Amino acid sequence: MTDKIMQELDPSDLGTLEFWEKTYAVEIENFRDHGDVGEVWFGSESASKVVRCINSKLLLKKEEDKIIDLGCGNGMLLVDLANEGFKKLVGVDYSQKAINLSAAVLEENNISNVELQVCDIVDAGNNLPGDFKLAHDKGTYDAISLSPENPKEKRLKYIENVHKILLRGGYLLLTSCNWTKDELVEHFREKFDLLLEIPTRTFAFGGQIGHTVTQLVFTKK
């Protein structure tokens, strides 16, 4: 285990509830005034790859398998999954304003089969059931890692709680722009095995090749 893998990220406002409450308060107003759903974090291409992976690689049963979106934000991934025919969808976010925006976006898209809930995944008393086949995370683990207070403790609690809410052999599909593949595999290795990496765009600088976004699928041990 290298020192680099053990190193925590520098704290940021992006790791605070206050930042996201302010962000989604603005996005709710923009949506009401202009129909703008707000920021598509990591871009629409990243979201499309997630949906394609779920459809073509993981082969979930659309009528039966439960999917939870951890940090659902504006709810657009839930819209995409509902439009693909998935019936048992849950979106959680620790920001009430994010949940309000998700509800408005789902209503605008005439989608009624999604359960929304204010929930902090690092809270031991989150009361989420342990029957999900897939947990999706686009940036929530990143935000937790940027917390100004006890980021490592919160990361470990996140991993523990996601493990608890998944069925045996369930999947965690995680998108990160702060951690590399090797770092994420190290973080999750005690409770999850790496199943596959979703190909993402690469960049070259100084003779090194890297990724701006990492997308991995883990299976619960």
Protein backbone atom coordinates (compact mmCIF):
# COMPACT_ATOMS: atom_id res chain seq x y z
CA MET A 1 0.00 0.00 0.00
CA THR A 2 1.60 3.26 -1.06
CA ASP A 3 1.59 6.59 0.74
CA LYS A 4 -0.23 8.09 -2.23
CA ILE A 5 -3.13 5.68 -1.82
CA MET A 6 -3.37 6.46 1.89
CA GLN A 7 -3.33 10.23 1.40
CA GLU A 8 -6.62 12.06 1.85
CA LEU A 9 -7.86 14.82 -0.44
CA ASP A 10 -7.60 18.47 0.50
CA PRO A 11 -10.86 19.68 2.07
CA SER A 12 -13.26 21.71 -0.05
CA ASP A 13 -16.63 23.45 0.15
CA LEU A 14 -17.86 20.73 -2.21
CA GLY A 15 -17.70 18.43 0.80
CA THR A 16 -20.28 20.41 2.79
CA LEU A 17 -24.05 20.26 2.91
CA GLU A 18 -24.19 24.05 2.92
CA PHE A 19 -22.56 24.23 -0.52
CA TRP A 20 -25.03 21.80 -2.05
CA GLU A 21 -28.06 23.40 -0.43
CA LYS A 22 -27.05 26.75 -1.94
CA THR A 23 -26.30 25.15 -5.30
CA TYR A 24 -29.62 23.34 -5.57
CA ALA A 25 -31.57 26.35 -4.31
CA VAL A 26 -30.32 28.22 -7.40
CA GLU A 27 -30.94 25.25 -9.69
CA ILE A 28 -34.53 24.87 -8.45
CA GLU A 29 -35.22 28.50 -9.36
CA ASN A 30 -33.60 28.05 -12.77
CA PHE A 31 -35.67 24.95 -13.41
CA ARG A 32 -38.89 26.70 -12.43
CA ASP A 33 -38.08 29.76 -14.53
CA HIS A 34 -36.42 28.20 -17.58
CA GLY A 35 -36.81 24.42 -17.40
CA ASP A 36 -33.04 24.07 -16.92
CA VAL A 37 -32.27 20.93 -14.88
CA GLY A 38 -28.87 22.32 -13.89
CA GLU A 39 -25.36 20.92 -13.96
CA VAL A 40 -24.87 17.46 -15.46
CA TRP A 41 -21.89 16.42 -13.36
CA PHE A 42 -19.10 14.75 -15.37
CA GLY A 43 -21.07 15.42 -18.57
CA SER A 44 -23.86 13.72 -20.48
CA GLU A 45 -21.43 11.23 -22.05
CA SER A 46 -20.58 9.86 -18.61
CA ALA A 47 -24.26 9.41 -17.76
CA SER A 48 -24.92 7.66 -21.08
CA LYS A 49 -22.09 5.22 -20.40
CA VAL A 50 -23.59 4.41 -17.01
CA VAL A 51 -26.97 3.56 -18.54
CA ARG A 52 -25.38 1.51 -21.33
CA CYS A 53 -23.28 -0.42 -18.81
CA ILE A 54 -26.30 -1.22 -16.67
CA ASN A 55 -28.21 -2.41 -19.73
CA SER A 56 -25.51 -4.35 -21.55
CA LYS A 57 -23.04 -5.52 -18.88
CA LEU A 58 -24.95 -5.99 -15.64
CA LEU A 59 -28.15 -7.39 -17.13
CA LEU A 60 -30.47 -6.38 -14.30
CA LYS A 61 -34.09 -7.50 -14.31
CA LYS A 62 -35.95 -4.30 -15.06
CA GLU A 63 -39.16 -5.35 -13.33
CA GLU A 64 -37.56 -6.80 -10.20
CA ASP A 65 -34.11 -5.48 -9.35
CA LYS A 66 -33.93 -2.38 -7.16
CA ILE A 67 -31.54 0.45 -8.04
CA ILE A 68 -30.57 3.26 -5.68
CA ASP A 69 -28.95 6.49 -6.85
CA LEU A 70 -26.71 7.74 -4.03
CA GLY A 71 -26.67 11.52 -4.22
CA CYS A 72 -29.30 11.75 -6.93
CA GLY A 73 -28.94 15.52 -7.41
CA ASN A 74 -31.32 16.69 -10.13
CA GLY A 75 -32.64 13.17 -10.72
CA MET A 76 -31.72 12.97 -14.39
CA LEU A 77 -30.12 9.52 -14.12
CA LEU A 78 -33.34 8.27 -12.56
CA VAL A 79 -35.24 9.76 -15.52
CA ASP A 80 -32.92 7.93 -17.92
CA LEU A 81 -33.28 4.62 -16.08
CA ALA A 82 -37.07 4.96 -15.86
CA ASN A 83 -37.19 5.64 -19.59
CA GLU A 84 -35.16 2.45 -20.12
CA GLY A 85 -37.89 0.49 -18.35
CA PHE A 86 -36.49 0.04 -14.85
CA LYS A 87 -39.36 -0.06 -12.37
CA LYS A 88 -37.83 -0.13 -8.89
CA LEU A 89 -35.85 3.08 -8.52
CA VAL A 90 -34.86 5.00 -5.41
CA GLY A 91 -33.07 8.34 -5.26
CA VAL A 92 -31.45 9.65 -2.07
CA ASP A 93 -29.55 12.83 -1.31
CA TYR A 94 -28.58 14.52 1.92
CA SER A 95 -29.75 17.85 0.47
CA GLN A 96 -33.47 18.49 0.81
CA LYS A 97 -33.23 21.00 -2.03
CA ALA A 98 -31.71 18.34 -4.30
CA ILE A 99 -34.65 16.07 -3.52
CA ASN A 100 -37.05 18.93 -4.26
CA LEU A 101 -35.36 19.48 -7.64
CA SER A 102 -35.42 15.75 -8.41
CA ALA A 103 -39.13 15.61 -7.63
CA ALA A 104 -39.82 18.53 -9.97
CA VAL A 105 -37.72 17.03 -12.78
CA LEU A 106 -39.39 13.62 -12.43
CA GLU A 107 -42.83 15.22 -12.48
CA GLU A 108 -41.93 17.25 -15.58
CA ASN A 109 -40.94 13.99 -17.29
CA ASN A 110 -44.15 12.22 -16.20
CA ILE A 111 -42.27 9.64 -14.15
CA SER A 112 -44.04 8.39 -11.04
CA ASN A 113 -42.29 5.10 -10.16
CA VAL A 114 -39.31 6.65 -8.36
CA GLU A 115 -39.07 6.89 -4.57
CA LEU A 116 -37.15 9.92 -3.31
CA GLN A 117 -35.76 10.29 0.20
CA VAL A 118 -33.57 12.72 2.10
CA CYS A 119 -30.78 10.50 3.37
CA ASP A 120 -27.13 10.80 4.35
CA ILE A 121 -25.45 7.55 3.33
CA VAL A 122 -22.72 7.99 5.97
CA ASP A 123 -25.32 8.20 8.74
CA ALA A 124 -25.49 4.87 10.57
CA GLY A 125 -29.20 5.44 11.15
CA ASN A 126 -30.11 6.03 7.52
CA ASN A 127 -32.71 3.20 7.60
CA LEU A 128 -32.13 2.12 4.01
CA PRO A 129 -33.13 -1.50 3.33
CA GLY A 130 -30.60 -4.12 2.32
CA ASP A 131 -32.31 -5.24 -0.86
CA PHE A 132 -30.71 -3.22 -3.64
CA LYS A 133 -29.15 -4.98 -6.62
CA LEU A 134 -27.31 -1.85 -7.76
CA ALA A 135 -26.08 1.30 -6.06
CA HIS A 136 -25.06 4.12 -8.39
CA ASP A 137 -22.77 6.94 -7.29
CA LYS A 138 -21.70 9.84 -9.48
CA GLY A 139 -19.60 12.13 -7.32
CA THR A 140 -21.01 11.40 -3.88
CA TYR A 141 -17.95 9.45 -2.74
CA ASP A 142 -15.88 12.33 -4.10
CA ALA A 143 -17.87 14.88 -2.09
CA ILE A 144 -17.55 12.79 1.07
CA SER A 145 -13.80 12.57 0.47
CA LEU A 146 -13.64 16.39 0.32
CA SER A 147 -15.33 16.86 3.69
CA PRO A 148 -13.52 19.39 5.93
CA GLU A 149 -14.28 17.16 8.92
CA ASN A 150 -13.16 13.52 9.33
CA PRO A 151 -13.09 12.59 5.62
CA LYS A 152 -11.45 9.19 6.15
CA GLU A 153 -13.96 8.22 8.82
CA LYS A 154 -16.81 9.26 6.54
CA ARG A 155 -15.34 7.37 3.57
CA LEU A 156 -15.09 4.19 5.61
CA LYS A 157 -18.65 4.60 6.88
CA TYR A 158 -19.84 5.11 3.30
CA ILE A 159 -18.19 1.86 2.20
CA GLU A 160 -19.65 0.00 5.17
CA ASN A 161 -23.16 1.33 4.61
CA VAL A 162 -23.19 0.75 0.85
CA HIS A 163 -22.09 -2.81 1.53
CA LYS A 164 -25.03 -3.22 3.92
CA ILE A 165 -27.71 -1.99 1.54
CA LEU A 166 -26.67 -4.25 -1.34
CA LEU A 167 -27.79 -7.81 -1.88
CA ARG A 168 -25.15 -10.53 -2.01
CA GLY A 169 -23.38 -10.11 -5.34
CA GLY A 170 -24.90 -6.65 -5.78
CA TYR A 171 -23.15 -3.93 -7.75
CA LEU A 172 -21.70 -0.53 -6.93
CA LEU A 173 -21.23 1.60 -10.05
CA LEU A 174 -19.06 4.53 -9.08
CA THR A 175 -17.90 7.58 -11.04
CA SER A 176 -15.06 9.69 -9.61
CA CYS A 177 -12.94 12.58 -10.78
CA ASN A 178 -10.82 12.75 -7.62
CA TRP A 179 -9.59 9.19 -7.19
CA THR A 180 -7.76 6.90 -9.60
CA LYS A 181 -8.71 3.31 -10.35
CA ASP A 182 -5.89 1.97 -8.17
CA GLU A 183 -6.87 4.21 -5.25
CA LEU A 184 -10.52 3.22 -5.44
CA VAL A 185 -9.71 -0.49 -5.65
CA GLU A 186 -7.56 -0.09 -2.54
CA HIS A 187 -10.27 1.83 -0.68
CA PHE A 188 -12.98 -0.76 -1.39
CA ARG A 189 -10.95 -3.99 -1.40
CA GLU A 190 -12.10 -5.33 1.98
CA LYS A 191 -15.78 -5.36 1.06
CA PHE A 192 -15.88 -5.20 -2.75
CA ASP A 193 -14.20 -6.82 -5.76
CA LEU A 194 -13.58 -4.90 -8.96
CA LEU A 195 -15.76 -6.29 -11.75
CA LEU A 196 -15.00 -3.96 -14.62
CA GLU A 197 -13.81 -0.51 -15.64
CA ILE A 198 -15.93 1.57 -17.99
CA PRO A 199 -13.66 3.06 -20.67
CA THR A 200 -13.29 6.83 -20.38
CA ARG A 201 -11.38 9.45 -22.32
CA THR A 202 -7.66 9.69 -21.64
CA PHE A 203 -5.19 12.55 -21.78
CA ALA A 204 -1.45 12.62 -22.23
CA PHE A 205 0.89 15.02 -20.45
CA GLY A 206 4.61 14.83 -19.79
CA GLY A 207 4.79 11.34 -21.22
CA GLN A 208 2.11 10.06 -18.81
CA ILE A 209 -1.39 8.90 -19.78
CA GLY A 210 -4.29 9.46 -17.40
CA HIS A 211 -8.05 9.78 -17.07
CA THR A 212 -10.02 12.82 -16.00
CA VAL A 213 -12.90 10.58 -14.87
CA THR A 214 -12.79 7.05 -13.47
CA GLN A 215 -15.85 4.78 -13.76
CA LEU A 216 -15.75 1.40 -12.03
CA VAL A 217 -18.19 -1.38 -11.22
CA PHE A 218 -17.63 -3.29 -7.99
CA THR A 219 -19.39 -6.39 -6.71
CA LYS A 220 -20.20 -6.94 -3.05
CA LYS A 221 -18.13 -9.64 -1.36
